[in-house]
């Protein structure tokens, strides 16, 4: 049993982060149980130190750590299930590391959105949970393939856009409720995912340094090489450009008709592209 769990965790980056969320919840549960047994406020200390608060005592690390605490078992279970479901939908188009970068960026952006909104409203708030990062992943997948069919509870067939729209409406209607800080975080995370859905490399800081080398500069560099090397490099560049065009064509087709209407060749291309 333990070996099966270890093998499952090692299968993908997504599974590793699900395991991280599970370990954090186990640690949280242990601390809270210890507090109940000793009648000490361990749970309050945990939330105050790691949860995100919009007061003068808030700590910079809480912009990330708030996502690894949850308000009860069902909150944790819903987030883990939604994370798994959303991440593997987006994994059709993105690589695993890109998905995790978006997850973490969504947590940060959602946390900042919550801080700004709650500060403007002058309402105290403390938020926990990974929902902002999960919303980023879900909305990125929705922008890629809004008509992708999803089976709720394994039975009810609905398009992906309807799930995202429903969650958005729930968050909007909850802006005046007790969890208004969390709802702002959901909306902020979802907005980030939707905006950068088709540009996952924007989350890779290394790529921003490489932008100095534009295709024109590369061609100038190639011209300094021998004729044989030049022809090989230009062929490789043309091949990369063709793959990029083909990928954009597939993504447009998904946006118009849904992932299920791709032919086998296009699905294989996406799968191989996601493994790079």
Protein backbone atom coordinates (compact mmCIF):
# COMPACT_ATOMS: atom_id res chain seq x y z
CA UNK A 1 0.00 0.00 0.00
CA UNK A 2 2.77 2.43 0.99
CA UNK A 3 4.75 1.56 -2.14
CA UNK A 4 1.68 2.22 -4.29
CA UNK A 5 1.22 5.65 -2.70
CA UNK A 6 4.91 6.47 -3.22
CA UNK A 7 4.73 5.37 -6.87
CA UNK A 8 1.62 7.48 -7.40
CA UNK A 9 3.30 10.55 -5.89
CA UNK A 10 6.33 10.07 -8.14
CA UNK A 11 4.22 9.81 -11.30
CA UNK A 12 3.88 13.57 -11.80
CA UNK A 13 4.59 17.01 -10.36
CA UNK A 14 0.84 17.46 -9.81
CA UNK A 15 0.68 14.36 -7.60
CA UNK A 16 3.67 15.60 -5.59
CA UNK A 17 1.87 18.86 -4.79
CA UNK A 18 -1.30 17.03 -3.83
CA UNK A 19 0.86 15.04 -1.41
CA UNK A 20 2.28 18.32 -0.03
CA UNK A 21 -1.24 19.64 0.60
CA UNK A 22 -2.16 16.37 2.33
CA UNK A 23 0.92 16.47 4.58
CA UNK A 24 0.19 20.08 5.52
CA UNK A 25 -3.37 19.18 6.46
CA UNK A 26 -2.16 16.22 8.54
CA UNK A 27 0.24 18.54 10.39
CA UNK A 28 -2.55 21.10 10.91
CA UNK A 29 -4.88 18.39 12.23
CA UNK A 30 -2.19 17.12 14.61
CA UNK A 31 -1.55 20.63 16.01
CA UNK A 32 -5.26 21.34 16.38
CA UNK A 33 -5.88 17.99 18.12
CA UNK A 34 -2.99 18.68 20.48
CA UNK A 35 -4.56 22.04 21.27
CA UNK A 36 -7.93 20.50 22.04
CA UNK A 37 -6.36 17.87 24.30
CA UNK A 38 -4.26 20.37 26.24
CA UNK A 39 -6.83 23.18 26.15
CA UNK A 40 -4.24 25.48 24.56
CA UNK A 41 -4.96 27.86 21.62
CA UNK A 42 -2.69 26.06 19.12
CA UNK A 43 -5.25 26.37 16.32
CA UNK A 44 -5.54 30.13 16.85
CA UNK A 45 -1.75 30.49 16.87
CA UNK A 46 -1.48 28.45 13.69
CA UNK A 47 -4.02 30.58 11.83
CA UNK A 48 -2.59 33.84 13.14
CA UNK A 49 0.93 32.98 12.05
CA UNK A 50 0.28 31.28 8.70
CA UNK A 51 -3.14 32.66 7.71
CA UNK A 52 -3.47 35.84 5.62
CA UNK A 53 -4.77 38.85 7.57
CA UNK A 54 -5.33 42.44 6.47
CA UNK A 55 -4.01 44.12 9.60
CA UNK A 56 -0.72 45.63 10.63
CA UNK A 57 0.49 42.34 12.09
CA UNK A 58 0.29 40.44 8.81
CA UNK A 59 3.48 38.69 7.72
CA UNK A 60 4.92 38.55 4.20
CA UNK A 61 5.23 34.75 4.24
CA UNK A 62 1.47 34.46 4.79
CA UNK A 63 0.90 35.46 1.14
CA UNK A 64 1.88 31.86 0.36
CA UNK A 65 1.41 29.92 3.59
CA UNK A 66 -2.30 30.74 3.92
CA UNK A 67 -2.97 28.36 1.03
CA UNK A 68 -1.63 25.36 2.94
CA UNK A 69 -4.10 25.66 5.81
CA UNK A 70 -7.76 24.71 5.50
CA UNK A 71 -10.89 25.44 7.49
CA UNK A 72 -11.90 21.87 8.25
CA UNK A 73 -11.81 18.49 6.51
CA UNK A 74 -14.47 19.18 3.87
CA UNK A 75 -12.79 22.45 2.85
CA UNK A 76 -9.54 20.51 2.40
CA UNK A 77 -11.23 17.61 0.56
CA UNK A 78 -13.04 19.91 -1.89
CA UNK A 79 -9.84 21.83 -2.67
CA UNK A 80 -7.72 18.71 -3.20
CA UNK A 81 -10.34 17.13 -5.46
CA UNK A 82 -10.76 20.33 -7.48
CA UNK A 83 -6.99 20.79 -7.72
CA UNK A 84 -6.56 17.26 -9.10
CA UNK A 85 -9.43 17.66 -11.54
CA UNK A 86 -8.37 21.13 -12.78
CA UNK A 87 -4.65 20.41 -12.97
CA UNK A 88 -5.07 17.33 -15.15
CA UNK A 89 -7.46 19.20 -17.44
CA UNK A 90 -4.84 21.90 -17.94
CA UNK A 91 -2.11 19.26 -18.23
CA UNK A 92 -3.50 18.56 -21.71
CA UNK A 93 -2.02 21.89 -22.80
CA UNK A 94 0.61 22.79 -20.20
CA UNK A 95 3.57 20.99 -18.65
CA UNK A 96 3.40 20.00 -14.99
CA UNK A 97 5.93 22.59 -13.80
CA UNK A 98 4.02 25.34 -15.61
CA UNK A 99 0.82 24.32 -13.83
CA UNK A 100 2.50 24.50 -10.42
CA UNK A 101 3.95 27.93 -11.24
CA UNK A 102 0.44 29.10 -12.10
CA UNK A 103 -0.90 27.53 -8.90
CA UNK A 104 1.61 29.45 -6.77
CA UNK A 105 1.17 32.67 -8.77
CA UNK A 106 -2.60 32.36 -8.35
CA UNK A 107 -2.16 32.00 -4.58
CA UNK A 108 -0.07 35.18 -4.49
CA UNK A 109 -2.34 37.17 -6.79
CA UNK A 110 -5.46 35.98 -4.99
CA UNK A 111 -3.95 36.88 -1.63
CA UNK A 112 -3.00 40.37 -2.82
CA UNK A 113 -6.48 40.85 -4.30
CA UNK A 114 -8.05 39.89 -0.99
CA UNK A 115 -5.77 42.23 0.98
CA UNK A 116 -6.51 45.20 -1.30
CA UNK A 117 -10.27 44.64 -1.41
CA UNK A 118 -10.69 44.01 2.31
CA UNK A 119 -8.49 47.00 3.19
CA UNK A 120 -10.56 49.29 0.98
CA UNK A 121 -13.71 47.94 2.60
CA UNK A 122 -12.10 48.42 6.02
CA UNK A 123 -13.16 44.97 7.18
CA UNK A 124 -10.91 42.63 9.17
CA UNK A 125 -10.29 39.32 7.45
CA UNK A 126 -8.26 36.15 7.81
CA UNK A 127 -8.25 33.69 4.95
CA UNK A 128 -6.90 30.16 4.48
CA UNK A 129 -7.11 27.61 1.69
CA UNK A 130 -5.62 26.94 -1.76
CA UNK A 131 -8.71 27.97 -3.71
CA UNK A 132 -7.11 31.03 -5.36
CA UNK A 133 -4.40 28.89 -6.97
CA UNK A 134 -6.96 26.25 -7.96
CA UNK A 135 -9.20 28.88 -9.56
CA UNK A 136 -6.19 30.02 -11.62
CA UNK A 137 -5.70 26.51 -12.98
CA UNK A 138 -9.40 25.94 -13.64
CA UNK A 139 -9.91 29.23 -15.46
CA UNK A 140 -6.79 28.72 -17.57
CA UNK A 141 -8.14 25.32 -18.66
CA UNK A 142 -11.53 26.89 -19.34
CA UNK A 143 -10.04 29.51 -21.63
CA UNK A 144 -8.28 26.80 -23.62
CA UNK A 145 -11.29 24.55 -24.01
CA UNK A 146 -14.52 26.11 -22.69
CA UNK A 147 -16.68 23.44 -24.32
CA UNK A 148 -14.74 20.47 -22.96
CA UNK A 149 -17.21 18.00 -21.47
CA UNK A 150 -16.90 17.28 -17.76
CA UNK A 151 -18.88 14.65 -15.87
CA UNK A 152 -19.97 15.89 -12.45
CA UNK A 153 -20.02 13.00 -9.97
CA UNK A 154 -19.22 10.79 -12.94
CA UNK A 155 -22.80 11.12 -14.25
CA UNK A 156 -23.90 14.67 -15.19
CA UNK A 157 -22.28 15.92 -18.42
CA UNK A 158 -21.67 19.68 -18.43
CA UNK A 159 -19.31 21.98 -20.39
CA UNK A 160 -16.29 23.29 -18.53
CA UNK A 161 -17.34 26.91 -19.00
CA UNK A 162 -20.52 26.26 -17.02
CA UNK A 163 -18.54 25.01 -14.01
CA UNK A 164 -16.29 28.08 -14.08
CA UNK A 165 -19.25 30.42 -14.51
CA UNK A 166 -21.09 28.79 -11.60
CA UNK A 167 -18.06 29.14 -9.31
CA UNK A 168 -17.66 32.77 -10.38
CA UNK A 169 -21.28 33.54 -9.56
CA UNK A 170 -20.95 31.84 -6.18
CA UNK A 171 -17.92 33.99 -5.39
CA UNK A 172 -19.59 37.20 -6.58
CA UNK A 173 -22.71 36.57 -4.51
CA UNK A 174 -20.51 35.84 -1.50
CA UNK A 175 -18.68 39.18 -1.57
CA UNK A 176 -21.03 40.55 1.09
CA UNK A 177 -20.85 37.41 3.22
CA UNK A 178 -18.59 36.32 6.05
CA UNK A 179 -16.02 34.82 3.64
CA UNK A 180 -15.73 37.93 1.47
CA UNK A 181 -11.92 37.83 1.76
CA UNK A 182 -11.82 34.31 0.39
CA UNK A 183 -14.20 35.23 -2.44
CA UNK A 184 -11.94 38.10 -3.53
CA UNK A 185 -9.01 35.68 -3.51
CA UNK A 186 -11.01 33.26 -5.73
CA UNK A 187 -11.81 35.99 -8.24
CA UNK A 188 -8.25 37.32 -8.27
CA UNK A 189 -6.78 33.88 -8.83
CA UNK A 190 -9.31 33.05 -11.54
CA UNK A 191 -8.62 36.33 -13.35
CA UNK A 192 -4.87 35.64 -13.40
CA UNK A 193 -5.37 32.16 -14.83
CA UNK A 194 -7.72 33.43 -17.53
CA UNK A 195 -5.36 36.24 -18.58
CA UNK A 196 -2.20 34.18 -18.98
CA UNK A 197 -3.78 30.90 -20.08
CA UNK A 198 -2.23 31.05 -23.54
CA UNK A 199 1.15 32.32 -22.42
CA UNK A 200 2.41 29.87 -19.76
CA UNK A 201 6.05 30.81 -20.36
CA UNK A 202 5.34 34.25 -18.89
CA UNK A 203 5.56 32.57 -15.47
CA UNK A 204 9.12 31.40 -16.13
CA UNK A 205 11.52 34.08 -14.90
CA UNK A 206 14.39 32.58 -16.89
CA UNK A 207 12.56 33.28 -20.14
CA UNK A 208 12.36 36.99 -19.37
CA UNK A 209 16.15 37.10 -19.32
CA UNK A 210 16.33 35.26 -22.62
CA UNK A 211 14.06 37.74 -24.41
CA UNK A 212 17.16 39.78 -25.21
CA UNK A 213 17.92 37.21 -27.88
CA UNK A 214 15.20 37.82 -30.45
CA UNK A 215 14.82 35.67 -33.60
CA UNK A 216 16.51 38.42 -35.67
CA UNK A 217 19.53 38.43 -33.38
CA UNK A 218 19.70 34.67 -33.54
CA UNK A 219 19.75 34.78 -37.33
CA UNK A 220 22.63 37.29 -37.22
CA UNK A 221 24.48 34.93 -34.92
CA UNK A 222 23.86 32.00 -37.24
CA UNK A 223 25.24 33.96 -40.20
CA UNK A 224 28.61 34.10 -38.48
CA UNK A 225 28.81 30.31 -38.63
CA UNK A 226 29.74 28.14 -41.56
CA UNK A 227 27.31 27.64 -44.44
CA UNK A 228 26.49 24.08 -43.41
CA UNK A 229 25.82 25.04 -39.80
CA UNK A 230 23.67 27.94 -40.96
CA UNK A 231 21.41 25.75 -43.06
CA UNK A 232 20.93 23.31 -40.17
CA UNK A 233 20.14 26.08 -37.69
CA UNK A 234 17.64 27.74 -40.04
CA UNK A 235 15.89 24.42 -40.59
CA UNK A 236 15.61 23.91 -36.85
CA UNK A 237 14.25 27.44 -36.44
CA UNK A 238 11.72 26.94 -39.24
CA UNK A 239 10.68 23.64 -37.67
CA UNK A 240 10.12 25.34 -34.30
CA UNK A 241 8.07 28.08 -35.97
CA UNK A 242 5.96 25.45 -37.78
CA UNK A 243 5.29 23.62 -34.50
CA UNK A 244 4.26 26.87 -32.87
CA UNK A 245 1.86 27.67 -35.72
CA UNK A 246 0.42 24.16 -35.59
CA UNK A 247 -0.06 24.43 -31.82
CA UNK A 248 -1.90 27.75 -32.21
CA UNK A 249 -4.10 26.19 -34.89
CA UNK A 250 -5.01 23.32 -32.54
CA UNK A 251 -5.74 25.71 -29.65
CA UNK A 252 -8.02 27.78 -31.87
CA UNK A 253 -9.83 24.61 -32.89
CA UNK A 254 -10.26 23.63 -29.23
CA UNK A 255 -11.61 27.08 -28.44
CA UNK A 256 -14.15 26.87 -31.28
CA UNK A 257 -15.20 23.22 -31.15
CA UNK A 258 -13.83 21.69 -27.94
CA UNK A 259 -11.03 19.24 -27.21
CA UNK A 260 -13.17 16.20 -28.02
CA UNK A 261 -13.40 17.27 -31.68
CA UNK A 262 -9.64 17.04 -32.25
CA UNK A 263 -8.44 14.21 -34.45
CA UNK A 264 -6.00 11.59 -33.18
CA UNK A 265 -2.98 13.29 -34.76
CA UNK A 266 -3.77 16.58 -33.02
CA UNK A 267 -4.29 14.88 -29.65
CA UNK A 268 -0.97 13.03 -29.95
CA UNK A 269 0.79 16.30 -30.87
CA UNK A 270 -0.64 18.02 -27.76
CA UNK A 271 0.36 15.11 -25.55
CA UNK A 272 3.95 15.12 -26.85
CA UNK A 273 4.13 18.91 -26.65
CA UNK A 274 3.04 18.77 -23.00
CA UNK A 275 5.85 16.32 -22.21
CA UNK A 276 8.60 18.66 -23.44
